[in-house]
Amino acid sequence: MDAGQTMDAGQTMDAGVTMDAGVTADAGARSDGGAVTDAGTPDAGRGFCSLDGGLSAGQVTTYIYGGNGACTFSSGNRLVAAVAPSLAPSQCGACLRISPADGGGSGASGPPQTPVIVTIADICPTCAQNQVDLSTEALLALTGGSFADGRWNVLLERVECPGDAGSPFVAVQSSSNPFFLSVVVEQTRRPVQSVSVRTGAQAPQPMIRQSFNAFTFSPTSALTPPLTFTITDDRGLTQTATVTAIAPGNTPFTQFPTSCP
């Protein structure tokens, strides 16, 4: 992965995510020439749901995404990004809209041309806070080039993940058994903040989030399905999913409501 270059004057995006910015961009300003939207006010009319924090200046590089990444996702989505280690795992599953900036940068792919929405799915050990390392598929979608290469100036914006990405689901990991439970939650509109689990009439038990984005739980006695998971997103909203067997597999649940009107 490409070593990050620093840019000064940090700018906060959302949920503790800071993207350093040396190029100013009015918070909430539209990069496509449309009307200004106040920071923190989602605007469904733009074709996507913008979250609080507005725009920040950054750079993109590229790498070959192996499929799971540090967030342990399995959905097969290839439009993904790796971010600085300090942003994971809390921002795993968050989406960024990456737009052309001033055309600055260099590389064989050519400069960014078309905005693209990517899902944070991996860690870039050498990336600065304002740098996003894109999968080759994502960089090609951004630049329209035929060869993924380069370092380019862009505008970064926190957005809800698109609704057409698919239903969210709880993925039970292969390491799970009645005495150890490991799950990954995927395809939510916004990042997952916490997960708890209960069986029968017992009280919900908090699961521990690991550095690889799995939520784990070690009970004092054997777990007996069905298991009810309560998933909380970064707005504090909750949804539930019921898993009927402690075995590898995906259990869908209802998507979180949108922030947009």
Protein backbone atom coordinates (compact mmCIF):
# COMPACT_ATOMS: atom_id res chain seq x y z
CA MET A 1 0.00 0.00 0.00
CA ASP A 2 1.21 3.47 -0.79
CA ALA A 3 2.69 5.55 2.00
CA GLY A 4 0.40 8.42 2.95
CA GLN A 5 1.34 12.06 2.49
CA THR A 6 0.21 14.42 5.22
CA MET A 7 -1.97 17.47 4.68
CA ASP A 8 -2.45 19.97 7.46
CA ALA A 9 -5.48 21.53 9.17
CA GLY A 10 -7.56 18.58 10.37
CA GLN A 11 -11.27 18.59 9.61
CA THR A 12 -13.73 16.39 11.50
CA MET A 13 -16.15 14.36 9.41
CA ASP A 14 -18.39 12.27 11.67
CA ALA A 15 -18.35 9.85 14.59
CA GLY A 16 -14.81 10.77 15.54
CA VAL A 17 -13.45 10.36 12.02
CA THR A 18 -10.93 13.07 11.17
CA MET A 19 -9.68 13.65 7.68
CA ASP A 20 -6.74 16.09 7.50
CA ALA A 21 -7.39 18.80 4.98
CA GLY A 22 -4.98 21.26 3.44
CA VAL A 23 -7.43 22.28 0.69
CA THR A 24 -10.47 24.12 1.95
CA ALA A 25 -13.98 22.96 1.06
CA ASP A 26 -17.03 24.63 2.54
CA ALA A 27 -18.77 22.25 4.91
CA GLY A 28 -21.77 20.87 3.12
CA ALA A 29 -20.99 22.56 -0.20
CA ARG A 30 -21.89 20.63 -3.32
CA SER A 31 -19.09 19.72 -5.66
CA ASP A 32 -21.46 19.20 -8.57
CA GLY A 33 -22.52 22.84 -8.91
CA GLY A 34 -25.84 22.43 -7.11
CA ALA A 35 -27.29 24.31 -4.17
CA VAL A 36 -25.40 24.41 -0.91
CA THR A 37 -26.56 21.94 1.70
CA ASP A 38 -25.81 22.74 5.35
CA ALA A 39 -23.34 20.40 7.05
CA GLY A 40 -25.20 17.64 8.82
CA THR A 41 -28.34 17.98 6.69
CA PRO A 42 -28.90 14.93 4.50
CA ASP A 43 -30.11 15.74 0.99
CA ALA A 44 -31.89 12.88 -0.75
CA GLY A 45 -32.30 15.02 -3.87
CA ARG A 46 -28.62 14.54 -4.66
CA GLY A 47 -29.17 10.84 -5.33
CA PHE A 48 -27.38 9.84 -2.13
CA CYS A 49 -27.72 10.58 1.58
CA SER A 50 -25.03 12.97 2.79
CA LEU A 51 -24.19 12.86 6.48
CA ASP A 52 -22.91 15.55 8.82
CA GLY A 53 -19.33 16.68 8.37
CA GLY A 54 -19.53 18.01 4.81
CA LEU A 55 -16.65 17.72 2.38
CA SER A 56 -12.97 17.36 3.18
CA ALA A 57 -9.95 17.34 0.91
CA GLY A 58 -7.90 14.18 0.61
CA GLN A 59 -6.02 11.87 -1.68
CA VAL A 60 -6.61 8.43 -3.14
CA THR A 61 -4.15 5.71 -3.97
CA THR A 62 -4.87 2.12 -5.01
CA TYR A 63 -4.16 -1.47 -4.04
CA ILE A 64 -5.34 -4.98 -4.89
CA TYR A 65 -8.20 -5.89 -2.54
CA GLY A 66 -8.02 -9.53 -1.52
CA GLY A 67 -11.70 -10.09 -0.77
CA ASN A 68 -12.17 -10.02 3.01
CA GLY A 69 -9.90 -7.26 4.26
CA ALA A 70 -9.32 -6.26 7.86
CA CYS A 71 -13.08 -5.86 8.36
CA THR A 72 -13.70 -9.57 7.55
CA PHE A 73 -16.52 -8.83 5.10
CA SER A 74 -17.76 -11.58 2.81
CA SER A 75 -20.43 -9.88 0.68
CA GLY A 76 -18.33 -9.75 -2.49
CA ASN A 77 -18.54 -5.96 -2.88
CA ARG A 78 -15.45 -4.81 -4.80
CA LEU A 79 -15.99 -1.04 -4.56
CA VAL A 80 -14.12 -0.79 -1.28
CA ALA A 81 -11.51 1.32 0.48
CA ALA A 82 -8.77 0.88 3.05
CA VAL A 83 -8.25 3.63 5.61
CA ALA A 84 -5.77 4.59 8.32
CA PRO A 85 -5.56 2.08 11.20
CA SER A 86 -7.00 4.60 13.68
CA LEU A 87 -10.34 4.53 11.80
CA ALA A 88 -10.87 0.76 12.07
CA PRO A 89 -12.69 -1.26 13.19
CA SER A 90 -15.19 1.42 14.30
CA GLN A 91 -15.64 2.69 10.72
CA CYS A 92 -15.83 -0.73 9.07
CA GLY A 93 -18.91 -0.68 6.86
CA ALA A 94 -19.07 3.12 6.62
CA CYS A 95 -19.42 4.57 3.13
CA LEU A 96 -17.53 7.45 1.53
CA ARG A 97 -18.45 9.38 -1.60
CA ILE A 98 -15.24 10.25 -3.44
CA SER A 99 -15.45 13.10 -5.95
CA PRO A 100 -13.01 14.81 -8.33
CA ALA A 101 -11.21 17.80 -6.82
CA ASP A 102 -8.73 20.04 -8.62
CA GLY A 103 -7.26 17.42 -10.96
CA GLY A 104 -4.01 17.42 -9.01
CA GLY A 105 -1.96 14.27 -8.73
CA SER A 106 -0.29 11.81 -11.04
CA GLY A 107 -0.64 8.28 -12.33
CA ALA A 108 -1.36 6.09 -15.33
CA SER A 109 -5.08 5.87 -14.57
CA GLY A 110 -5.68 9.54 -15.29
CA PRO A 111 -7.39 12.01 -12.90
CA PRO A 112 -10.73 11.35 -11.18
CA GLN A 113 -13.75 11.94 -13.44
CA THR A 114 -16.88 10.42 -11.89
CA PRO A 115 -17.90 10.32 -8.19
CA VAL A 116 -17.95 6.84 -6.67
CA ILE A 117 -19.31 5.53 -3.34
CA VAL A 118 -17.07 3.01 -1.58
CA THR A 119 -17.39 0.93 1.58
CA ILE A 120 -14.62 0.95 4.18
CA ALA A 121 -13.53 -2.69 4.32
CA ASP A 122 -9.82 -2.71 5.03
CA ILE A 123 -6.86 -1.04 6.77
CA CYS A 124 -4.01 0.77 5.03
CA PRO A 125 -1.08 0.64 7.50
CA THR A 126 0.80 3.55 5.91
CA CYS A 127 -2.14 5.82 5.04
CA ALA A 128 -2.52 9.28 6.53
CA GLN A 129 -5.89 10.31 7.96
CA ASN A 130 -6.81 12.10 4.74
CA GLN A 131 -5.76 9.26 2.42
CA VAL A 132 -8.04 6.51 1.12
CA ASP A 133 -6.51 3.45 -0.54
CA LEU A 134 -9.03 2.28 -3.12
CA SER A 135 -9.48 -1.17 -4.58
CA THR A 136 -8.44 -1.27 -8.23
CA GLU A 137 -12.13 -1.60 -9.19
CA ALA A 138 -13.02 1.55 -7.23
CA LEU A 139 -10.19 3.64 -8.69
CA LEU A 140 -11.11 2.60 -12.23
CA ALA A 141 -14.73 3.58 -11.53
CA LEU A 142 -13.51 6.95 -10.23
CA THR A 143 -11.10 7.74 -13.06
CA GLY A 144 -12.60 5.89 -16.00
CA GLY A 145 -9.11 4.67 -16.80
CA SER A 146 -8.03 1.27 -18.03
CA PHE A 147 -5.12 0.89 -15.61
CA ALA A 148 -5.36 1.47 -11.84
CA ASP A 149 -2.41 3.57 -10.73
CA GLY A 150 -1.60 6.90 -9.14
CA ARG A 151 -2.15 9.36 -6.31
CA TRP A 152 -4.92 11.88 -6.90
CA ASN A 153 -6.51 14.79 -5.05
CA VAL A 154 -10.18 14.20 -4.23
CA LEU A 155 -13.06 15.39 -2.08
CA LEU A 156 -14.25 12.99 0.61
CA GLU A 157 -17.77 12.94 1.99
CA ARG A 158 -19.42 10.68 4.54
CA VAL A 159 -22.66 9.19 3.13
CA GLU A 160 -25.11 6.43 3.91
CA CYS A 161 -24.35 3.20 2.11
CA PRO A 162 -26.62 2.82 -0.94
CA GLY A 163 -29.84 0.90 -0.46
CA ASP A 164 -29.15 -1.26 -3.51
CA ALA A 165 -26.15 -2.84 -1.79
CA GLY A 166 -28.41 -5.58 -0.43
CA SER A 167 -30.03 -6.53 2.87
CA PRO A 168 -27.93 -6.39 6.04
CA PHE A 169 -27.04 -9.69 7.64
CA VAL A 170 -25.33 -11.32 10.61
CA ALA A 171 -22.59 -13.70 9.47
CA VAL A 172 -21.76 -16.44 11.98
CA GLN A 173 -18.07 -17.24 11.71
CA SER A 174 -16.64 -20.75 11.36
CA SER A 175 -14.89 -20.47 14.74
CA SER A 176 -18.26 -20.33 16.54
CA ASN A 177 -19.49 -23.11 18.82
CA PRO A 178 -21.78 -23.32 21.89
CA PHE A 179 -18.95 -21.96 24.08
CA PHE A 180 -17.62 -19.26 21.76
CA LEU A 181 -19.54 -17.03 19.40
CA SER A 182 -18.09 -14.86 16.63
CA VAL A 183 -20.18 -12.83 14.19
CA VAL A 184 -19.67 -10.07 11.63
CA VAL A 185 -22.47 -7.67 10.67
CA GLU A 186 -22.50 -6.51 7.04
CA GLN A 187 -24.32 -4.19 4.61
CA THR A 188 -25.88 -1.77 7.11
CA ARG A 189 -26.64 1.82 6.04
CA ARG A 190 -24.25 3.19 8.65
CA PRO A 191 -21.47 1.61 10.74
CA VAL A 192 -22.40 -0.79 13.53
CA GLN A 193 -21.57 0.50 16.99
CA SER A 194 -22.34 -2.54 19.14
CA VAL A 195 -23.91 -6.00 19.18
CA SER A 196 -25.48 -7.95 22.05
CA VAL A 197 -26.80 -11.52 22.15
CA ARG A 198 -29.35 -13.37 24.24
CA THR A 199 -30.80 -16.84 24.33
CA GLY A 200 -34.28 -17.65 25.60
CA ALA A 201 -35.41 -15.37 28.42
CA GLN A 202 -31.89 -14.44 29.48
CA ALA A 203 -30.78 -10.82 29.53
CA PRO A 204 -28.85 -9.58 26.49
CA GLN A 205 -25.08 -9.94 26.82
CA PRO A 206 -22.70 -7.44 25.20
CA MET A 207 -20.32 -8.85 22.62
CA ILE A 208 -16.71 -7.66 22.33
CA ARG A 209 -15.58 -6.05 19.09
CA GLN A 210 -12.25 -7.42 17.93
CA SER A 211 -9.64 -5.59 15.85
CA PHE A 212 -10.73 -7.63 12.80
CA ASN A 213 -14.31 -6.32 13.21
CA ALA A 214 -15.90 -9.54 14.52
CA PHE A 215 -18.08 -9.35 17.63
CA THR A 216 -17.33 -12.21 20.02
CA PHE A 217 -18.89 -13.66 23.16
CA SER A 218 -17.69 -16.42 25.52
CA PRO A 219 -20.60 -17.64 27.69
CA THR A 220 -20.21 -19.28 31.08
CA SER A 221 -22.36 -22.18 29.89
CA ALA A 222 -23.23 -23.62 26.50
CA LEU A 223 -25.39 -21.45 24.27
CA THR A 224 -28.65 -22.96 23.04
CA PRO A 225 -30.22 -21.59 19.84
CA PRO A 226 -32.17 -19.69 18.81
CA LEU A 227 -29.98 -16.68 19.50
CA THR A 228 -31.30 -13.13 19.26
CA PHE A 229 -28.81 -10.44 18.30
CA THR A 230 -29.46 -6.74 18.88
CA ILE A 231 -27.45 -4.61 16.47
CA THR A 232 -26.95 -0.91 17.25
CA ASP A 233 -25.75 1.57 14.62
CA ASP A 234 -23.76 4.76 15.16
CA ARG A 235 -26.98 6.77 15.66
CA GLY A 236 -28.07 4.50 18.50
CA LEU A 237 -30.83 2.85 16.45
CA THR A 238 -31.35 -0.89 16.88
CA GLN A 239 -32.49 -3.87 14.81
CA THR A 240 -32.67 -7.54 15.77
CA ALA A 241 -31.75 -10.78 14.04
CA THR A 242 -32.55 -14.31 15.17
CA VAL A 243 -30.05 -17.05 14.36
CA THR A 244 -31.40 -20.59 14.60
CA ALA A 245 -28.13 -22.54 14.52
CA ILE A 246 -24.56 -21.99 15.70
CA ALA A 247 -23.02 -22.76 12.35
CA PRO A 248 -21.44 -20.72 9.54
CA GLY A 249 -24.12 -18.85 7.64
CA ASN A 250 -25.79 -15.49 7.03
CA THR A 251 -29.00 -14.34 8.69
CA PRO A 252 -30.64 -11.25 7.13
CA PHE A 253 -32.41 -8.60 9.19
CA THR A 254 -34.35 -5.39 8.56
CA GLN A 255 -32.30 -2.45 7.29
CA PHE A 256 -31.88 0.59 9.53
CA PRO A 257 -34.03 3.57 8.51
CA THR A 258 -32.41 6.28 6.44
CA SER A 259 -31.28 9.62 7.84
CA CYS A 260 -32.66 11.37 4.78
CA PRO A 261 -36.17 12.82 4.68
